[in-house]
Amino acid sequence: MPDFIYLASQSPRRRQLLDQLGVRHELLVPNVDGDMGEDAEAIEEVHPGEVPTAYVQRVTGLKLDAAMARRARRGLPEAPILCSDTTVALGRAIYGKPDDAAHAGRMLTELAGRTHRVLTAVALQMGTRRVAALSVSRVTFAALTPQQVDDYVNTGEPLGKAGAYGVQGRAAAFIPQLSGSYSGIMGLPMYETAQLLRAAGFPV
């Protein structure tokens, strides 16, 4: 049994959460110039009529497939591979990472004063065996003025984050209530992740 896992994510928050679990890990991410045959934008494209739960689980599976191919292509030692993906959903509408500051502002304006879901799927590949789980949390945003939205967007924090906010950052000041998994909202549900690792025989 290897004493480490591969983390197929560039998110520093997911690394931090794995450290918190005491799980030794190495990154397995695309090269700076991109890996041949990998198209992140195509993987994250929403299919017509796709519901948020199906979307986040499908994308996680595709990202894990890409990571498996990446490990084989690079000739790296075998070890469990962990992959996770997070999306924000308001009803059936899927809110991924904003394209730019203006897009982030529109997302935040739509989320303001309402309760949305944060869905984080996690999947673990160990040899030919794959196990997966889904964490669903609910986050309530306070009403926000246009100035508050602009000020937050100008911090740069919303870019690169599903739903255009980070619960562990400045956006915490906008959230009067949440239910579910705080770590799942951050990007890696620790309870579900620990359960998957134990089910695969990996010590946590």
N, C-alpha and C. Protein backbone atom coordinates (compact mmCIF):
# COMPACT_ATOMS: atom_id res chain seq x y z
N MET A 1 0.84 -1.20 0.00
CA MET A 1 0.00 0.00 0.00
C MET A 1 0.88 1.25 0.00
N PRO A 2 0.74 2.14 -0.99
CA PRO A 2 1.53 3.38 -0.99
C PRO A 2 1.19 4.22 0.23
N ASP A 3 2.17 5.01 0.68
CA ASP A 3 1.94 5.84 1.86
C ASP A 3 1.56 7.27 1.49
N PHE A 4 1.15 7.47 0.23
CA PHE A 4 0.72 8.80 -0.21
C PHE A 4 -0.36 8.64 -1.27
N ILE A 5 -1.05 9.73 -1.55
CA ILE A 5 -2.01 9.75 -2.65
C ILE A 5 -1.63 10.90 -3.59
N TYR A 6 -2.14 10.82 -4.81
CA TYR A 6 -2.04 11.94 -5.74
C TYR A 6 -3.28 12.81 -5.59
N LEU A 7 -3.09 14.11 -5.57
CA LEU A 7 -4.20 15.05 -5.58
C LEU A 7 -4.26 15.70 -6.94
N ALA A 8 -5.34 15.44 -7.67
CA ALA A 8 -5.48 16.00 -9.02
C ALA A 8 -6.23 17.32 -8.93
N SER A 9 -5.61 18.30 -8.31
CA SER A 9 -6.22 19.62 -8.14
C SER A 9 -5.14 20.65 -7.90
N GLN A 10 -5.34 21.84 -8.45
CA GLN A 10 -4.40 22.93 -8.23
C GLN A 10 -4.84 23.83 -7.08
N SER A 11 -5.93 23.48 -6.41
CA SER A 11 -6.49 24.31 -5.36
C SER A 11 -5.65 24.24 -4.09
N PRO A 12 -5.12 25.37 -3.63
CA PRO A 12 -4.38 25.35 -2.36
C PRO A 12 -5.29 25.01 -1.18
N ARG A 13 -6.59 25.30 -1.30
CA ARG A 13 -7.50 24.96 -0.21
C ARG A 13 -7.63 23.46 -0.05
N ARG A 14 -7.66 22.72 -1.15
CA ARG A 14 -7.76 21.26 -1.05
C ARG A 14 -6.48 20.68 -0.45
N ARG A 15 -5.34 21.24 -0.80
CA ARG A 15 -4.08 20.79 -0.20
C ARG A 15 -4.11 21.02 1.31
N GLN A 16 -4.60 22.19 1.71
CA GLN A 16 -4.67 22.53 3.12
C GLN A 16 -5.58 21.55 3.87
N LEU A 17 -6.71 21.20 3.26
CA LEU A 17 -7.65 20.29 3.91
C LEU A 17 -7.08 18.88 4.01
N LEU A 18 -6.34 18.43 2.99
CA LEU A 18 -5.70 17.12 3.08
C LEU A 18 -4.63 17.12 4.17
N ASP A 19 -3.89 18.22 4.26
CA ASP A 19 -2.91 18.34 5.35
C ASP A 19 -3.60 18.23 6.70
N GLN A 20 -4.77 18.84 6.80
CA GLN A 20 -5.53 18.81 8.05
C GLN A 20 -5.94 17.38 8.41
N LEU A 21 -6.20 16.56 7.39
CA LEU A 21 -6.52 15.15 7.62
C LEU A 21 -5.28 14.32 7.91
N GLY A 22 -4.11 14.90 7.69
CA GLY A 22 -2.88 14.16 7.90
C GLY A 22 -2.56 13.20 6.78
N VAL A 23 -3.04 13.51 5.58
CA VAL A 23 -2.83 12.63 4.42
C VAL A 23 -1.68 13.17 3.57
N ARG A 24 -0.64 12.38 3.44
CA ARG A 24 0.49 12.78 2.59
C ARG A 24 0.07 12.72 1.14
N HIS A 25 0.39 13.76 0.38
CA HIS A 25 -0.06 13.78 -1.01
C HIS A 25 0.93 14.49 -1.90
N GLU A 26 0.87 14.15 -3.17
CA GLU A 26 1.65 14.81 -4.21
C GLU A 26 0.69 15.31 -5.27
N LEU A 27 1.01 16.45 -5.85
CA LEU A 27 0.14 17.02 -6.88
C LEU A 27 0.29 16.27 -8.19
N LEU A 28 -0.84 16.08 -8.86
CA LEU A 28 -0.86 15.48 -10.19
C LEU A 28 -1.73 16.37 -11.07
N VAL A 29 -1.12 17.45 -11.52
CA VAL A 29 -1.86 18.47 -12.27
C VAL A 29 -1.23 18.66 -13.65
N PRO A 30 -1.97 19.26 -14.59
CA PRO A 30 -1.42 19.49 -15.92
C PRO A 30 -0.16 20.37 -15.87
N ASN A 31 0.68 20.20 -16.87
CA ASN A 31 1.85 21.06 -16.99
C ASN A 31 1.42 22.51 -17.20
N VAL A 32 2.33 23.43 -16.96
CA VAL A 32 2.03 24.85 -17.15
C VAL A 32 1.54 25.11 -18.57
N ASP A 33 2.15 24.45 -19.54
CA ASP A 33 1.77 24.64 -20.94
C ASP A 33 0.61 23.74 -21.35
N GLY A 34 0.07 22.99 -20.38
CA GLY A 34 -1.04 22.09 -20.70
C GLY A 34 -0.54 20.73 -21.13
N ASP A 35 -1.31 19.71 -20.88
CA ASP A 35 -0.97 18.36 -21.29
C ASP A 35 -1.69 18.01 -22.58
N MET A 36 -0.99 17.34 -23.46
CA MET A 36 -1.58 16.96 -24.74
C MET A 36 -2.85 16.14 -24.52
N GLY A 37 -3.90 16.51 -25.21
CA GLY A 37 -5.14 15.76 -25.13
C GLY A 37 -6.05 16.18 -24.00
N GLU A 38 -5.60 17.11 -23.15
CA GLU A 38 -6.44 17.56 -22.04
C GLU A 38 -7.06 18.91 -22.37
N ASP A 39 -8.35 19.01 -22.22
CA ASP A 39 -9.07 20.25 -22.49
C ASP A 39 -9.97 20.55 -21.31
N ALA A 40 -9.45 21.35 -20.37
CA ALA A 40 -10.19 21.63 -19.14
C ALA A 40 -11.51 22.32 -19.42
N GLU A 41 -11.53 23.22 -20.39
CA GLU A 41 -12.76 23.94 -20.69
C GLU A 41 -13.84 22.98 -21.19
N ALA A 42 -13.44 22.02 -22.03
CA ALA A 42 -14.41 21.06 -22.56
C ALA A 42 -14.94 20.17 -21.44
N ILE A 43 -14.06 19.80 -20.50
CA ILE A 43 -14.49 18.95 -19.39
C ILE A 43 -15.55 19.66 -18.55
N GLU A 44 -15.37 20.97 -18.33
CA GLU A 44 -16.27 21.72 -17.44
C GLU A 44 -17.49 22.29 -18.16
N GLU A 45 -17.63 22.03 -19.44
CA GLU A 45 -18.77 22.55 -20.18
C GLU A 45 -20.07 21.88 -19.71
N VAL A 46 -21.08 22.69 -19.51
CA VAL A 46 -22.37 22.17 -19.04
C VAL A 46 -23.16 21.64 -20.24
N HIS A 47 -23.69 20.44 -20.11
CA HIS A 47 -24.52 19.87 -21.17
C HIS A 47 -25.93 20.46 -21.10
N PRO A 48 -26.60 20.59 -22.24
CA PRO A 48 -27.97 21.13 -22.24
C PRO A 48 -28.89 20.34 -21.32
N GLY A 49 -29.61 21.03 -20.46
CA GLY A 49 -30.56 20.39 -19.57
C GLY A 49 -29.94 19.65 -18.39
N GLU A 50 -28.62 19.74 -18.22
CA GLU A 50 -27.95 18.99 -17.17
C GLU A 50 -28.23 19.61 -15.80
N VAL A 51 -28.59 18.78 -14.83
CA VAL A 51 -28.86 19.28 -13.49
C VAL A 51 -27.54 19.36 -12.71
N PRO A 52 -27.47 20.24 -11.70
CA PRO A 52 -26.20 20.47 -10.99
C PRO A 52 -25.57 19.22 -10.39
N THR A 53 -26.37 18.32 -9.78
CA THR A 53 -25.78 17.13 -9.16
C THR A 53 -25.12 16.23 -10.22
N ALA A 54 -25.80 16.02 -11.33
CA ALA A 54 -25.24 15.21 -12.40
C ALA A 54 -24.00 15.87 -12.98
N TYR A 55 -24.05 17.18 -13.13
CA TYR A 55 -22.93 17.93 -13.70
C TYR A 55 -21.66 17.76 -12.86
N VAL A 56 -21.76 18.03 -11.56
CA VAL A 56 -20.55 18.04 -10.73
C VAL A 56 -19.96 16.64 -10.60
N GLN A 57 -20.82 15.61 -10.59
CA GLN A 57 -20.31 14.25 -10.52
C GLN A 57 -19.67 13.83 -11.84
N ARG A 58 -20.27 14.24 -12.96
CA ARG A 58 -19.69 13.90 -14.27
C ARG A 58 -18.33 14.58 -14.44
N VAL A 59 -18.26 15.85 -14.10
CA VAL A 59 -17.00 16.59 -14.26
C VAL A 59 -15.90 15.99 -13.39
N THR A 60 -16.25 15.62 -12.17
CA THR A 60 -15.26 15.00 -11.29
C THR A 60 -14.73 13.71 -11.89
N GLY A 61 -15.62 12.90 -12.43
CA GLY A 61 -15.20 11.65 -13.07
C GLY A 61 -14.28 11.89 -14.26
N LEU A 62 -14.61 12.88 -15.07
CA LEU A 62 -13.78 13.19 -16.23
C LEU A 62 -12.41 13.72 -15.81
N LYS A 63 -12.39 14.52 -14.77
CA LYS A 63 -11.10 15.03 -14.27
C LYS A 63 -10.25 13.90 -13.71
N LEU A 64 -10.90 12.93 -13.08
CA LEU A 64 -10.16 11.79 -12.55
C LEU A 64 -9.64 10.93 -13.70
N ASP A 65 -10.44 10.74 -14.74
CA ASP A 65 -9.97 10.01 -15.93
C ASP A 65 -8.72 10.68 -16.51
N ALA A 66 -8.77 12.01 -16.61
CA ALA A 66 -7.63 12.75 -17.16
C ALA A 66 -6.40 12.60 -16.27
N ALA A 67 -6.61 12.60 -14.95
CA ALA A 67 -5.48 12.45 -14.03
C ALA A 67 -4.86 11.06 -14.13
N MET A 68 -5.69 10.04 -14.30
CA MET A 68 -5.18 8.68 -14.47
C MET A 68 -4.31 8.58 -15.72
N ALA A 69 -4.79 9.16 -16.81
CA ALA A 69 -4.02 9.15 -18.06
C ALA A 69 -2.72 9.94 -17.90
N ARG A 70 -2.79 11.03 -17.14
CA ARG A 70 -1.61 11.88 -16.91
C ARG A 70 -0.54 11.11 -16.13
N ARG A 71 -0.97 10.38 -15.10
CA ARG A 71 -0.01 9.59 -14.32
C ARG A 71 0.66 8.53 -15.18
N ALA A 72 -0.15 7.82 -15.99
CA ALA A 72 0.40 6.78 -16.85
C ALA A 72 1.36 7.38 -17.88
N ARG A 73 0.97 8.52 -18.45
CA ARG A 73 1.78 9.17 -19.48
C ARG A 73 3.13 9.61 -18.92
N ARG A 74 3.14 10.03 -17.68
CA ARG A 74 4.39 10.51 -17.07
C ARG A 74 5.21 9.38 -16.44
N GLY A 75 4.66 8.17 -16.43
CA GLY A 75 5.38 7.04 -15.87
C GLY A 75 5.58 7.13 -14.37
N LEU A 76 4.64 7.74 -13.68
CA LEU A 76 4.76 7.90 -12.23
C LEU A 76 4.34 6.63 -11.49
N PRO A 77 4.84 6.44 -10.29
CA PRO A 77 4.46 5.24 -9.51
C PRO A 77 2.95 5.20 -9.27
N GLU A 78 2.41 4.01 -9.12
CA GLU A 78 0.99 3.88 -8.84
C GLU A 78 0.69 4.27 -7.40
N ALA A 79 -0.41 4.97 -7.22
CA ALA A 79 -0.90 5.36 -5.90
C ALA A 79 -2.34 5.83 -6.09
N PRO A 80 -3.13 5.85 -5.04
CA PRO A 80 -4.50 6.34 -5.17
C PRO A 80 -4.52 7.77 -5.70
N ILE A 81 -5.52 8.08 -6.52
CA ILE A 81 -5.66 9.42 -7.09
C ILE A 81 -6.98 10.00 -6.60
N LEU A 82 -6.92 11.19 -6.01
CA LEU A 82 -8.10 11.86 -5.48
C LEU A 82 -8.42 13.08 -6.34
N CYS A 83 -9.70 13.21 -6.66
CA CYS A 83 -10.15 14.33 -7.48
C CYS A 83 -11.44 14.88 -6.89
N SER A 84 -11.63 16.19 -7.01
CA SER A 84 -12.83 16.81 -6.47
C SER A 84 -13.23 17.99 -7.34
N ASP A 85 -14.52 18.28 -7.36
CA ASP A 85 -15.00 19.44 -8.12
C ASP A 85 -16.17 20.05 -7.36
N THR A 86 -16.23 21.37 -7.38
CA THR A 86 -17.26 22.10 -6.66
C THR A 86 -18.03 23.00 -7.61
N THR A 87 -19.34 23.02 -7.44
CA THR A 87 -20.16 23.96 -8.20
C THR A 87 -21.22 24.55 -7.28
N VAL A 88 -21.67 25.73 -7.64
CA VAL A 88 -22.72 26.42 -6.90
C VAL A 88 -23.99 26.34 -7.74
N ALA A 89 -25.12 26.10 -7.10
CA ALA A 89 -26.38 25.96 -7.83
C ALA A 89 -27.47 26.80 -7.18
N LEU A 90 -28.16 27.56 -8.00
CA LEU A 90 -29.34 28.31 -7.57
C LEU A 90 -30.49 27.73 -8.36
N GLY A 91 -31.29 26.87 -7.70
CA GLY A 91 -32.27 26.09 -8.45
C GLY A 91 -31.53 25.13 -9.36
N ARG A 92 -31.88 25.15 -10.64
CA ARG A 92 -31.20 24.29 -11.62
C ARG A 92 -30.04 25.01 -12.31
N ALA A 93 -29.87 26.29 -12.00
CA ALA A 93 -28.80 27.08 -12.64
C ALA A 93 -27.45 26.74 -12.00
N ILE A 94 -26.45 26.51 -12.85
CA ILE A 94 -25.11 26.14 -12.41
C ILE A 94 -24.20 27.36 -12.48
N TYR A 95 -23.53 27.64 -11.36
CA TYR A 95 -22.60 28.75 -11.28
C TYR A 95 -21.19 28.19 -11.09
N GLY A 96 -20.43 28.22 -12.18
CA GLY A 96 -19.05 27.76 -12.09
C GLY A 96 -18.12 28.92 -11.76
N LYS A 97 -16.90 28.84 -12.26
CA LYS A 97 -15.95 29.93 -12.03
C LYS A 97 -16.28 31.08 -12.98
N PRO A 98 -16.24 32.32 -12.50
CA PRO A 98 -16.57 33.46 -13.37
C PRO A 98 -15.50 33.66 -14.45
N ASP A 99 -15.95 34.13 -15.61
CA ASP A 99 -15.03 34.38 -16.72
C ASP A 99 -14.16 35.59 -16.47
N ASP A 100 -14.72 36.59 -15.80
CA ASP A 100 -14.00 37.83 -15.53
C ASP A 100 -14.70 38.56 -14.39
N ALA A 101 -14.22 39.77 -14.08
CA ALA A 101 -14.77 40.53 -12.95
C ALA A 101 -16.24 40.87 -13.16
N ALA A 102 -16.62 41.24 -14.38
CA ALA A 102 -18.01 41.59 -14.65
C ALA A 102 -18.92 40.39 -14.44
N HIS A 103 -18.47 39.22 -14.89
CA HIS A 103 -19.24 37.99 -14.72
C HIS A 103 -19.38 37.66 -13.23
N ALA A 104 -18.30 37.85 -12.48
CA ALA A 104 -18.34 37.62 -11.03
C ALA A 104 -19.37 38.52 -10.37
N GLY A 105 -19.41 39.78 -10.78
CA GLY A 105 -20.36 40.72 -10.23
C GLY A 105 -21.80 40.30 -10.49
N ARG A 106 -22.06 39.80 -11.70
CA ARG A 106 -23.42 39.35 -12.03
C ARG A 106 -23.81 38.15 -11.18
N MET A 107 -22.88 37.21 -11.01
CA MET A 107 -23.17 36.04 -10.18
C MET A 107 -23.52 36.45 -8.76
N LEU A 108 -22.69 37.29 -8.17
CA LEU A 108 -22.90 37.70 -6.78
C LEU A 108 -24.21 38.46 -6.61
N THR A 109 -24.56 39.26 -7.60
CA THR A 109 -25.82 40.01 -7.55
C THR A 109 -27.00 39.06 -7.56
N GLU A 110 -26.90 37.97 -8.33
CA GLU A 110 -27.98 36.98 -8.40
C GLU A 110 -28.07 36.14 -7.12
N LEU A 111 -26.93 35.90 -6.48
CA LEU A 111 -26.92 35.09 -5.26
C LEU A 111 -27.33 35.90 -4.03
N ALA A 112 -27.15 37.21 -4.10
CA ALA A 112 -27.40 38.07 -2.94
C ALA A 112 -28.84 37.95 -2.45
N GLY A 113 -29.01 37.83 -1.13
CA GLY A 113 -30.33 37.77 -0.53
C GLY A 113 -31.04 36.45 -0.72
N ARG A 114 -30.34 35.43 -1.17
CA ARG A 114 -30.98 34.14 -1.44
C ARG A 114 -30.14 33.00 -0.87
N THR A 115 -30.75 31.82 -0.84
CA THR A 115 -30.05 30.62 -0.38
C THR A 115 -29.73 29.75 -1.59
N HIS A 116 -28.47 29.35 -1.70
CA HIS A 116 -28.07 28.49 -2.81
C HIS A 116 -27.42 27.21 -2.27
N ARG A 117 -27.23 26.26 -3.17
CA ARG A 117 -26.56 25.01 -2.80
C ARG A 117 -25.11 25.04 -3.28
N VAL A 118 -24.25 24.41 -2.50
CA VAL A 118 -22.87 24.17 -2.91
C VAL A 118 -22.68 22.66 -2.99
N LEU A 119 -22.38 22.17 -4.17
CA LEU A 119 -22.22 20.74 -4.39
C LEU A 119 -20.76 20.43 -4.66
N THR A 120 -20.20 19.55 -3.87
CA THR A 120 -18.82 19.12 -4.09
C THR A 120 -18.80 17.60 -4.23
N ALA A 121 -18.37 17.15 -5.38
CA ALA A 121 -18.20 15.72 -5.63
C ALA A 121 -16.74 15.37 -5.41
N VAL A 122 -16.51 14.21 -4.84
CA VAL A 122 -15.14 13.72 -4.63
C VAL A 122 -15.08 12.28 -5.10
N ALA A 123 -13.98 11.92 -5.76
CA ALA A 123 -13.81 10.57 -6.28
C ALA A 123 -12.38 10.12 -6.05
N LEU A 124 -12.23 8.84 -5.76
CA LEU A 124 -10.91 8.26 -5.48
C LEU A 124 -10.72 7.03 -6.35
N GLN A 125 -9.63 7.00 -7.08
CA GLN A 125 -9.28 5.85 -7.92
C GLN A 125 -8.12 5.11 -7.28
N MET A 126 -8.30 3.81 -7.08
CA MET A 126 -7.25 2.98 -6.50
C MET A 126 -7.15 1.72 -7.33
N GLY A 127 -6.18 1.67 -8.22
CA GLY A 127 -6.09 0.56 -9.16
C GLY A 127 -7.28 0.63 -10.11
N THR A 128 -8.04 -0.45 -10.18
CA THR A 128 -9.21 -0.47 -11.05
C THR A 128 -10.49 -0.08 -10.31
N ARG A 129 -10.37 0.20 -9.03
CA ARG A 129 -11.54 0.49 -8.20
C ARG A 129 -11.72 2.00 -8.05
N ARG A 130 -12.96 2.44 -8.21
CA ARG A 130 -13.29 3.86 -8.04
C ARG A 130 -14.44 4.00 -7.05
N VAL A 131 -14.27 4.87 -6.09
CA VAL A 131 -15.33 5.18 -5.12
C VAL A 131 -15.58 6.68 -5.17
N ALA A 132 -16.82 7.07 -4.90
CA ALA A 132 -17.18 8.48 -5.04
C ALA A 132 -18.23 8.86 -4.01
N ALA A 133 -18.31 10.16 -3.74
CA ALA A 133 -19.31 10.68 -2.81
C ALA A 133 -19.67 12.10 -3.23
N LEU A 134 -20.81 12.55 -2.71
CA LEU A 134 -21.29 13.90 -3.03
C LEU A 134 -21.69 14.61 -1.74
N SER A 135 -21.18 15.81 -1.56
CA SER A 135 -21.53 16.65 -0.41
C SER A 135 -22.41 17.80 -0.90
N VAL A 136 -23.55 18.00 -0.23
CA VAL A 136 -24.46 19.09 -0.60
C VAL A 136 -24.67 19.98 0.62
N SER A 137 -24.35 21.25 0.49
CA SER A 137 -24.53 22.21 1.57
C SER A 137 -25.39 23.36 1.08
N ARG A 138 -25.91 24.13 2.02
CA ARG A 138 -26.73 25.30 1.68
C ARG A 138 -26.14 26.54 2.33
N VAL A 139 -26.05 27.58 1.53
CA VAL A 139 -25.45 28.84 1.98
C VAL A 139 -26.43 29.98 1.72
N THR A 140 -26.68 30.79 2.72
CA THR A 140 -27.55 31.95 2.58
C THR A 140 -26.70 33.22 2.53
N PHE A 141 -26.90 34.00 1.50
CA PHE A 141 -26.23 35.29 1.35
C PHE A 141 -27.15 36.40 1.86
N ALA A 142 -26.58 37.37 2.52
CA ALA A 142 -27.34 38.57 2.88
C ALA A 142 -27.58 39.39 1.62
N ALA A 143 -28.52 40.33 1.71
CA ALA A 143 -28.69 41.27 0.61
C ALA A 143 -27.42 42.11 0.48
N LEU A 144 -26.99 42.35 -0.75
CA LEU A 144 -25.76 43.11 -0.99
C LEU A 144 -26.05 44.34 -1.83
N THR A 145 -25.43 45.45 -1.49
CA THR A 145 -25.56 46.64 -2.31
C THR A 145 -24.63 46.51 -3.51
N PRO A 146 -24.89 47.23 -4.60
CA PRO A 146 -23.97 47.22 -5.74
C PRO A 146 -22.54 47.60 -5.33
N GLN A 147 -22.40 48.50 -4.37
CA GLN A 147 -21.07 48.91 -3.91
C GLN A 147 -20.35 47.76 -3.20
N GLN A 148 -21.10 47.01 -2.38
CA GLN A 148 -20.50 45.86 -1.72
C GLN A 148 -20.02 44.82 -2.72
N VAL A 149 -20.85 44.58 -3.74
CA VAL A 149 -20.46 43.62 -4.78
C VAL A 149 -19.20 44.10 -5.49
N ASP A 150 -19.18 45.37 -5.88
CA ASP A 150 -18.02 45.92 -6.59
C ASP A 150 -16.76 45.85 -5.72
N ASP A 151 -16.91 46.22 -4.45
CA ASP A 151 -15.74 46.21 -3.56
C ASP A 151 -15.18 44.80 -3.41
N TYR A 152 -16.07 43.82 -3.30
CA TYR A 152 -15.61 42.44 -3.15
C TYR A 152 -14.95 41.95 -4.44
N VAL A 153 -15.58 42.22 -5.57
CA VAL A 153 -15.00 41.80 -6.85
C VAL A 153 -13.62 42.42 -7.03
N ASN A 154 -13.46 43.67 -6.61
CA ASN A 154 -12.18 44.37 -6.78
C ASN A 154 -11.05 43.79 -5.93
N THR A 155 -11.40 42.96 -4.93
CA THR A 155 -10.34 42.30 -4.16
C THR A 155 -9.67 41.20 -4.98
N GLY A 156 -10.35 40.75 -6.06
CA GLY A 156 -9.82 39.65 -6.87
C GLY A 156 -10.16 38.28 -6.33
N GLU A 157 -10.72 38.21 -5.13
CA GLU A 157 -11.01 36.92 -4.51
C GLU A 157 -12.01 36.07 -5.28
N PRO A 158 -13.03 36.67 -5.93
CA PRO A 158 -14.03 35.84 -6.61
C PRO A 158 -13.49 35.05 -7.81
N LEU A 159 -12.43 35.53 -8.44
CA LEU A 159 -11.94 34.88 -9.66
C LEU A 159 -11.36 33.50 -9.33
N GLY A 160 -11.70 32.53 -10.16
CA GLY A 160 -11.20 31.18 -9.96
C GLY A 160 -11.98 30.37 -8.94
N LYS A 161 -13.11 30.92 -8.46
CA LYS A 161 -13.89 30.21 -7.46
C LYS A 161 -15.32 30.00 -7.96
N ALA A 162 -15.84 28.80 -7.75
CA ALA A 162 -17.22 28.51 -8.14
C ALA A 162 -18.16 29.44 -7.40
N GLY A 163 -19.11 30.02 -8.14
CA GLY A 163 -20.05 30.95 -7.53
C GLY A 163 -19.48 32.31 -7.25
N ALA A 164 -18.22 32.52 -7.59
CA ALA A 164 -17.54 33.82 -7.46
C ALA A 164 -17.33 34.25 -6.01
N TYR A 165 -17.12 33.26 -5.12
CA TYR A 165 -16.78 33.65 -3.75
C TYR A 165 -16.04 32.53 -3.04
N GLY A 166 -15.31 32.91 -2.00
CA GLY A 166 -14.63 31.95 -1.15
C GLY A 166 -15.17 32.05 0.26
N VAL A 167 -15.76 30.97 0.77
CA VAL A 167 -16.38 31.00 2.09
C VAL A 167 -15.35 31.27 3.18
N GLN A 168 -14.09 30.87 2.93
CA GLN A 168 -13.05 31.03 3.93
C GLN A 168 -12.38 32.40 3.85
N GLY A 169 -12.84 33.24 2.92
CA GLY A 169 -12.24 34.56 2.74
C GLY A 169 -13.17 35.68 3.16
N ARG A 170 -13.07 36.80 2.44
CA ARG A 170 -13.85 37.99 2.80
C ARG A 170 -15.35 37.79 2.67
N ALA A 171 -15.76 36.85 1.81
CA ALA A 171 -17.19 36.61 1.59
C ALA A 171 -17.88 36.10 2.84
N ALA A 172 -17.13 35.64 3.83
CA ALA A 172 -17.75 35.18 5.07
C ALA A 172 -18.59 36.28 5.71
N ALA A 173 -18.24 37.53 5.44
CA ALA A 173 -18.99 38.66 6.01
C ALA A 173 -20.37 38.80 5.38
N PHE A 174 -20.63 38.09 4.28
CA PHE A 174 -21.93 38.17 3.60
C PHE A 174 -22.85 37.01 3.97
N ILE A 175 -22.37 36.05 4.78
CA ILE A 175 -23.08 34.79 4.97
C ILE A 175 -23.63 34.68 6.39
N PRO A 176 -24.93 34.96 6.59
CA PRO A 176 -25.51 34.84 7.92
C PRO A 176 -25.78 33.41 8.35
N GLN A 177 -25.90 32.51 7.36
CA GLN A 177 -26.26 31.14 7.70
C GLN A 177 -25.75 30.17 6.64
N LEU A 178 -25.28 29.01 7.11
CA LEU A 178 -24.95 27.92 6.20
C LEU A 178 -25.23 26.61 6.91
N SER A 179 -25.52 25.60 6.15
CA SER A 179 -25.74 24.26 6.71
C SER A 179 -25.08 23.24 5.80
N GLY A 180 -24.52 22.20 6.42
CA GLY A 180 -23.84 21.18 5.63
C GLY A 180 -22.38 21.09 6.01
N SER A 181 -21.51 20.96 5.03
CA SER A 181 -20.09 20.75 5.25
C SER A 181 -19.30 22.01 4.91
N TYR A 182 -18.72 22.64 5.93
CA TYR A 182 -17.91 23.84 5.68
C TYR A 182 -16.72 23.51 4.78
N SER A 183 -16.08 22.36 5.04
CA SER A 183 -14.94 21.97 4.20
C SER A 183 -15.40 21.64 2.79
N GLY A 184 -16.63 21.11 2.66
CA GLY A 184 -17.17 20.84 1.33
C GLY A 184 -17.39 22.13 0.56
N ILE A 185 -17.85 23.16 1.25
CA ILE A 185 -18.03 24.46 0.60
C ILE A 185 -16.67 25.02 0.18
N MET A 186 -15.63 24.76 0.97
CA MET A 186 -14.28 25.19 0.62
C MET A 186 -13.76 24.45 -0.61
N GLY A 187 -14.22 23.20 -0.81
CA GLY A 187 -13.77 22.47 -1.99
C GLY A 187 -13.41 21.02 -1.79
N LEU A 188 -13.37 20.55 -0.52
CA LEU A 188 -13.07 19.14 -0.28
C LEU A 188 -13.75 18.71 1.01
N PRO A 189 -14.88 18.01 0.92
CA PRO A 189 -15.59 17.60 2.14
C PRO A 189 -14.77 16.57 2.91
N MET A 190 -14.31 16.96 4.09
CA MET A 190 -13.36 16.13 4.82
C MET A 190 -13.97 14.81 5.30
N TYR A 191 -15.22 14.85 5.77
CA TYR A 191 -15.84 13.61 6.24
C TYR A 191 -15.95 12.60 5.11
N GLU A 192 -16.51 13.03 3.98
CA GLU A 192 -16.68 12.12 2.83
C GLU A 192 -15.34 11.64 2.30
N THR A 193 -14.37 12.53 2.26
CA THR A 193 -13.04 12.16 1.77
C THR A 193 -12.40 11.11 2.67
N ALA A 194 -12.50 11.32 3.98
CA ALA A 194 -11.94 10.34 4.91
C ALA A 194 -12.64 8.99 4.77
N GLN A 195 -13.96 9.01 4.57
CA GLN A 195 -14.71 7.76 4.39
C GLN A 195 -14.24 7.01 3.14
N LEU A 196 -14.03 7.74 2.05
CA LEU A 196 -13.58 7.10 0.81
C LEU A 196 -12.19 6.50 0.99
N LEU A 197 -11.29 7.24 1.64
CA LEU A 197 -9.93 6.75 1.83
C LEU A 197 -9.93 5.49 2.70
N ARG A 198 -10.75 5.50 3.75
CA ARG A 198 -10.82 4.31 4.61
C ARG A 198 -11.41 3.12 3.85
N ALA A 199 -12.45 3.40 3.05
CA ALA A 199 -13.08 2.32 2.27
C ALA A 199 -12.10 1.68 1.30
N ALA A 200 -11.14 2.48 0.84
CA ALA A 200 -10.14 1.96 -0.10
C ALA A 200 -8.96 1.35 0.63
N GLY A 201 -9.01 1.34 1.97
CA GLY A 201 -7.93 0.73 2.74
C GLY A 201 -6.78 1.65 3.04
N PHE A 202 -6.98 2.96 2.76
CA PHE A 202 -5.90 3.92 3.02
C PHE A 202 -6.06 4.47 4.43
N PRO A 203 -4.98 4.43 5.24
CA PRO A 203 -5.10 4.88 6.63
C PRO A 203 -5.31 6.39 6.73
N VAL A 204 -6.31 6.79 7.51
CA VAL A 204 -6.57 8.21 7.79
C VAL A 204 -6.53 8.40 9.30
